[in-house]
Structure formats: C-alpha cells, structure tokens
C-alpha cells in the first residue's frame, strides 16, 4: 500500500505486526517516518493496519500474510529481506506461548511454538545480517521475555524458547562488534496484549503495577537500542524483579514459579 514517494525513508520489517507489541512497533515506526513491511497471519488485520498507518503518517506499508510456523512461509519472508537493498530495522516479534503440563500438551503445538519463537527468528536474522553488514549499518530487535531468565514450569517450552532468543542475541551482538549493526534482545514482563488469553493463563489477580502497555515497551526498547543496550528489560518494576531474581537460588525460583503458574491455568 503506497502513500507516495518514499525516497530516503528508513525501512523496517516487523513480524507479528497485527496485534500487541508488534502492532505497537509498527505504529511507532510509522510515526517516526519508516516505510514498513508488516507480517502476520491475518490478511484482514494487516489490511486495516496498513490503511491506518498510510492515512495517519503518509508512509508506505507493504503486507506479507504468512504463518511463520511453516517453513515455506518463512522462506517467502526471507526472500523479501534478502531482496531489500536498504532494510534498516528487523523486529522479530512473532511468537506464542502454551500453558500446561508438558507431558499433557499436544506435541505438534510445542513444535510449532519452537518453529515460530526460535527457528523463524534465526532464519530471518540470518537473512538480514549479510546485507546490513555489507551496508555498515542496521539493527535487529529480537523480542524475548523475562520468562527466559529462569525455568518456567507449566510454560516450559515458551520459557526455553525465550532463553534461546536472549542467549542467541547476546552472542551475535559480540560477533557484530565494529560492523555498525546493532542488536537487542527485548525482554518484557507482563504486557497488555492478547498473549495471556491465547496461552490460557489467568492473570486477573495480578496488580496493575505488574503491567506495561505495548506502547511503553516499544518506546523503552527503541530508546535502549539507541543507547546500545543489548539485553533490555523495559520498566523499573521489571528490572527490579529480574535483578532480584539473580540473587535467589534457581531451585527456589522453579518452585515459586511452578506454584504461581499452576494456580493460573485457564
């Protein structure tokens, strides 16, 4: 969807852009003047988002309808990234979580979760980096989670995928030193999106202090990216919690996490 000439505009691609943090990234980047490629499964939601961003911010917005749990669809997005001669920012946001005892969850859902949260993210990162390195600049934001900082009973696969994302991003950040390419693992805590409902987690008893808006998470992320913050936990309360967790024995964290999540099943 073309809103007119886009000469000299910065460009970004955002996955999982139809809702939540991904949509907030798309809206913020459009406001900042980026031309966008937005990726998600829902044609209807992407069309509505593109129309709104074009009308409100006069930016060019292309859409890719894709299910990134499927290898063929990941290949289509990889091709788009490789064909781009000027991609400034890739936001790997698409992801989902499952809730329950791992031994009782459908295995195909767990594999799909790994394919989306890890495999697709790795493939798209690999597709973007050579061009960015060659141009001497660019940035990637891989959306991880505070859930990756410790084991997450009843959320086992999700927590493990996010631990991978954080570790992977930290490692490549060092490989990219002096290339001009910046990377960030964004590790939000509880964020007001559709995620908890889709995962079947009851969060009705959580205090308002525990929550951030998707817009606040994105603003914090982009500020931290400019500052060179490789692993970024947005929000003072979240940083306090994650810092304190590092002082507690992992066995105790597992026990507390298991008790808390067991009581919140949908």
Protein backbone atom coordinates (compact mmCIF):
# COMPACT_ATOMS: atom_id res chain seq x y z
CA UNK A 1 0.00 0.00 0.00
CA UNK A 2 1.79 3.11 -1.28
CA UNK A 3 1.28 6.52 0.31
CA UNK A 4 3.56 8.35 -2.11
CA UNK A 5 7.28 8.86 -2.63
CA UNK A 6 9.48 7.21 -0.01
CA UNK A 7 12.92 8.47 -1.11
CA UNK A 8 15.43 8.44 1.74
CA UNK A 9 12.96 6.92 4.17
CA UNK A 10 14.26 4.39 6.66
CA UNK A 11 12.68 0.97 6.26
CA UNK A 12 11.66 -1.71 8.75
CA UNK A 13 10.10 -5.16 8.72
CA UNK A 14 8.02 -6.26 11.71
CA UNK A 15 6.73 -9.79 12.26
CA UNK A 16 3.65 -10.48 14.37
CA UNK A 17 2.52 -6.97 13.47
CA UNK A 18 -1.24 -7.46 13.63
CA UNK A 19 -1.57 -7.07 17.42
CA UNK A 20 0.22 -6.37 20.68
CA UNK A 21 3.88 -5.41 20.77
CA UNK A 22 4.30 -5.97 17.02
CA UNK A 23 1.47 -3.60 16.20
CA UNK A 24 2.88 -1.05 18.64
CA UNK A 25 6.25 -1.28 16.89
CA UNK A 26 4.60 -0.74 13.50
CA UNK A 27 2.66 2.27 14.76
CA UNK A 28 5.70 3.86 16.44
CA UNK A 29 7.98 3.28 13.45
CA UNK A 30 5.39 4.70 11.05
CA UNK A 31 5.14 7.77 13.26
CA UNK A 32 8.93 8.05 13.07
CA UNK A 33 8.76 8.02 9.27
CA UNK A 34 9.79 4.46 8.44
CA UNK A 35 8.41 2.70 5.40
CA UNK A 36 7.18 -0.67 6.61
CA UNK A 37 6.71 -4.29 5.72
CA UNK A 38 4.34 -5.90 8.21
CA UNK A 39 3.99 -9.66 8.57
CA UNK A 40 1.25 -11.70 10.27
CA UNK A 41 -1.28 -14.44 9.58
CA UNK A 42 -4.39 -12.25 9.34
CA UNK A 43 -4.98 -10.54 6.00
CA UNK A 44 -7.87 -8.56 7.46
CA UNK A 45 -5.86 -7.18 10.38
CA UNK A 46 -2.86 -6.33 8.23
CA UNK A 47 -5.03 -4.55 5.66
CA UNK A 48 -6.65 -2.47 8.41
CA UNK A 49 -3.26 -1.64 9.94
CA UNK A 50 -1.76 -0.64 6.59
CA UNK A 51 -4.70 1.62 5.75
CA UNK A 52 -4.49 3.34 9.12
CA UNK A 53 -0.73 3.88 9.03
CA UNK A 54 -0.80 5.17 5.46
CA UNK A 55 -3.59 7.60 6.29
CA UNK A 56 -2.17 8.80 9.61
CA UNK A 57 1.54 9.01 8.74
CA UNK A 58 1.81 9.09 4.93
CA UNK A 59 4.20 6.13 4.85
CA UNK A 60 4.45 3.18 2.50
CA UNK A 61 3.25 -0.07 4.06
CA UNK A 62 3.61 -3.47 2.39
CA UNK A 63 1.98 -6.52 3.88
CA UNK A 64 3.01 -10.18 3.85
CA UNK A 65 0.39 -12.66 5.01
CA UNK A 66 2.40 -15.55 6.41
CA UNK A 67 2.28 -18.24 9.07
CA UNK A 68 5.87 -18.37 10.32
CA UNK A 69 5.41 -21.79 11.89
CA UNK A 70 5.54 -23.05 8.26
CA UNK A 71 8.90 -23.29 6.52
CA UNK A 72 7.53 -22.24 3.15
CA UNK A 73 6.10 -19.01 4.57
CA UNK A 74 9.38 -18.25 6.37
CA UNK A 75 11.14 -18.67 3.02
CA UNK A 76 8.89 -16.03 1.47
CA UNK A 77 9.80 -13.51 4.17
CA UNK A 78 13.48 -14.45 3.90
CA UNK A 79 13.32 -13.67 0.17
CA UNK A 80 11.74 -10.29 0.90
CA UNK A 81 14.51 -9.45 3.37
CA UNK A 82 17.31 -10.58 1.05
CA UNK A 83 15.81 -8.64 -1.87
CA UNK A 84 15.73 -5.44 0.19
CA UNK A 85 18.70 -3.19 -0.50
CA UNK A 86 18.03 -0.83 2.38
CA UNK A 87 16.43 -2.64 5.34
CA UNK A 88 17.32 -0.58 8.41
CA UNK A 89 15.47 -2.49 11.13
CA UNK A 90 14.14 -6.01 11.56
CA UNK A 91 11.81 -6.63 14.50
CA UNK A 92 11.42 -10.37 15.14
CA UNK A 93 8.31 -10.16 17.31
CA UNK A 94 6.10 -13.06 16.18
CA UNK A 95 5.69 -15.68 18.88
CA UNK A 96 3.24 -17.50 21.10
CA UNK A 97 3.14 -19.48 24.32
CA UNK A 98 1.40 -22.62 25.54
CA UNK A 99 0.28 -23.40 29.07
CA UNK A 100 0.05 -26.70 30.92
CA UNK A 101 2.00 -29.77 31.96
CA UNK A 102 4.43 -30.50 29.15
CA UNK A 103 3.67 -34.24 29.22
CA UNK A 104 0.00 -33.50 28.57
CA UNK A 105 0.29 -30.84 25.86
CA UNK A 106 -0.15 -31.76 22.17
CA UNK A 107 3.38 -32.23 20.80
CA UNK A 108 2.54 -30.57 17.49
CA UNK A 109 1.73 -27.34 19.34
CA UNK A 110 5.06 -27.40 21.17
CA UNK A 111 6.96 -27.99 17.93
CA UNK A 112 5.06 -25.14 16.24
CA UNK A 113 5.98 -22.91 19.18
CA UNK A 114 9.67 -23.75 18.75
CA UNK A 115 9.43 -23.24 14.99
CA UNK A 116 7.96 -19.78 15.42
CA UNK A 117 9.77 -18.49 18.51
CA UNK A 118 13.20 -19.86 17.57
CA UNK A 119 13.57 -21.29 14.06
CA UNK A 120 11.80 -18.49 12.18
CA UNK A 121 13.61 -15.85 14.23
CA UNK A 122 17.01 -17.43 13.49
CA UNK A 123 16.26 -17.75 9.78
CA UNK A 124 15.08 -14.16 9.40
CA UNK A 125 18.03 -12.86 11.41
CA UNK A 126 20.39 -14.80 9.14
CA UNK A 127 18.65 -13.42 6.06
CA UNK A 128 19.01 -9.82 7.26
CA UNK A 129 22.56 -9.71 8.60
CA UNK A 130 24.69 -10.03 5.44
CA UNK A 131 23.02 -7.03 3.82
CA UNK A 132 23.24 -4.95 6.96
CA UNK A 133 26.89 -5.85 7.49
CA UNK A 134 27.64 -5.02 3.87
CA UNK A 135 25.99 -1.61 4.22
CA UNK A 136 27.76 -0.95 7.51
CA UNK A 137 24.58 -0.36 9.49
CA UNK A 138 21.18 -1.57 10.56
CA UNK A 139 19.52 -3.02 13.63
CA UNK A 140 17.64 -6.10 14.81
CA UNK A 141 15.30 -6.36 17.76
CA UNK A 142 14.52 -9.91 18.82
CA UNK A 143 11.56 -9.94 21.17
CA UNK A 144 12.38 -12.28 24.04
CA UNK A 145 10.83 -12.25 27.53
CA UNK A 146 11.62 -12.14 31.22
CA UNK A 147 10.33 -15.73 31.12
CA UNK A 148 13.66 -16.68 29.57
CA UNK A 149 15.65 -15.71 32.66
CA UNK A 150 14.66 -18.81 34.62
CA UNK A 151 12.83 -22.10 34.14
CA UNK A 152 9.07 -21.65 33.68
CA UNK A 153 7.10 -24.68 34.92
CA UNK A 154 3.76 -25.07 33.06
CA UNK A 155 5.22 -22.64 30.49
CA UNK A 156 8.26 -24.82 29.82
CA UNK A 157 8.59 -24.57 26.05
CA UNK A 158 7.88 -20.85 25.96
CA UNK A 159 10.45 -20.06 28.65
CA UNK A 160 13.04 -22.25 26.93
CA UNK A 161 12.50 -20.59 23.56
CA UNK A 162 12.95 -17.17 25.10
CA UNK A 163 16.13 -18.25 26.89
CA UNK A 164 17.42 -19.26 23.47
CA UNK A 165 16.47 -15.91 21.94
CA UNK A 166 18.25 -13.93 24.63
CA UNK A 167 21.42 -16.04 24.52
CA UNK A 168 21.48 -16.08 20.71
CA UNK A 169 21.08 -12.32 20.52
CA UNK A 170 23.79 -11.67 23.09
CA UNK A 171 26.19 -13.92 21.20
CA UNK A 172 25.68 -12.34 17.80
CA UNK A 173 25.94 -8.87 19.31
CA UNK A 174 29.57 -9.64 20.07
CA UNK A 175 30.13 -11.10 16.60
CA UNK A 176 28.77 -7.85 15.15
CA UNK A 177 31.06 -5.59 17.15
CA UNK A 178 32.53 -2.84 14.90
CA UNK A 179 30.22 -3.70 11.97
CA UNK A 180 27.79 -0.85 12.62
CA UNK A 181 24.93 -3.34 13.11
CA UNK A 182 23.12 -3.19 16.46
CA UNK A 183 21.07 -5.96 18.03
CA UNK A 184 18.81 -6.14 21.05
CA UNK A 185 17.04 -8.88 22.99
CA UNK A 186 13.91 -7.16 24.28
CA UNK A 187 12.72 -8.91 27.47
CA UNK A 188 9.34 -7.53 28.55
CA UNK A 189 7.35 -8.74 31.52
CA UNK A 190 3.56 -8.71 31.69
CA UNK A 191 2.33 -6.59 28.77
CA UNK A 192 -1.28 -5.76 27.95
CA UNK A 193 -1.71 -7.79 24.76
CA UNK A 194 -3.65 -10.87 23.61
CA UNK A 195 -0.80 -13.18 24.64
CA UNK A 196 -2.11 -14.36 28.03
CA UNK A 197 -5.59 -15.10 26.70
CA UNK A 198 -4.19 -17.12 23.82
CA UNK A 199 -1.91 -19.06 26.16
CA UNK A 200 -4.78 -19.75 28.59
CA UNK A 201 -3.16 -18.06 31.58
CA UNK A 202 -5.39 -16.36 34.15
CA UNK A 203 -3.82 -13.02 35.08
CA UNK A 204 -6.86 -11.45 36.71
CA UNK A 205 -5.21 -11.35 40.14
CA UNK A 206 -2.05 -9.55 39.07
CA UNK A 207 -1.69 -5.98 40.38
CA UNK A 208 -1.69 -3.11 37.89
CA UNK A 209 1.89 -2.33 38.89
CA UNK A 210 2.98 -5.56 37.19
CA UNK A 211 1.76 -4.45 33.77
CA UNK A 212 3.10 -2.29 30.97
CA UNK A 213 1.37 -1.17 27.80
CA UNK A 214 2.74 -2.41 24.49
CA UNK A 215 3.43 1.21 23.53
CA UNK A 216 5.56 1.78 26.64
CA UNK A 217 7.52 -1.42 25.94
CA UNK A 218 8.27 -0.26 22.39
CA UNK A 219 9.28 3.25 23.43
CA UNK A 220 11.64 1.80 26.02
CA UNK A 221 13.09 -0.66 23.51
CA UNK A 222 13.89 1.94 20.88
CA UNK A 223 15.46 4.28 23.43
CA UNK A 224 17.61 1.41 24.71
CA UNK A 225 18.58 0.42 21.16
CA UNK A 226 19.97 3.91 20.59
CA UNK A 227 21.93 3.55 23.83
CA UNK A 228 23.44 0.21 22.80
CA UNK A 229 21.58 -1.85 25.42
CA UNK A 230 21.85 -5.45 24.14
CA UNK A 231 19.59 -7.16 26.70
CA UNK A 232 16.82 -4.76 27.63
CA UNK A 233 14.19 -5.25 30.32
CA UNK A 234 11.65 -2.43 29.99
CA UNK A 235 10.08 -0.89 33.09
CA UNK A 236 11.51 -0.12 36.51
CA UNK A 237 9.47 -2.81 38.27
CA UNK A 238 10.53 -5.46 35.76
CA UNK A 239 14.20 -4.52 36.13
CA UNK A 240 13.86 -4.68 39.90
CA UNK A 241 12.28 -8.15 39.73
CA UNK A 242 14.80 -9.51 37.23
CA UNK A 243 17.71 -8.15 39.26
CA UNK A 244 16.39 -9.63 42.49
CA UNK A 245 15.81 -12.98 40.80
CA UNK A 246 19.52 -13.25 40.15
CA UNK A 247 20.11 -13.37 43.91
CA UNK A 248 17.69 -16.24 44.57
CA UNK A 249 18.66 -19.96 44.18
CA UNK A 250 17.34 -21.40 40.93
CA UNK A 251 15.68 -24.28 42.75
CA UNK A 252 13.61 -21.82 44.76
CA UNK A 253 12.71 -19.82 41.64
CA UNK A 254 11.50 -23.01 39.96
CA UNK A 255 9.34 -23.92 42.96
CA UNK A 256 7.83 -20.45 43.28
CA UNK A 257 7.25 -20.21 39.51
CA UNK A 258 5.60 -23.59 39.44
CA UNK A 259 3.25 -22.72 42.31
CA UNK A 260 2.36 -19.37 40.75
CA UNK A 261 1.70 -20.68 37.25
CA UNK A 262 -0.12 -23.81 38.44
CA UNK A 263 -2.67 -21.57 40.10
CA UNK A 264 -3.26 -19.52 36.92
CA UNK A 265 -4.22 -22.16 34.43
CA UNK A 266 -7.18 -21.32 32.23
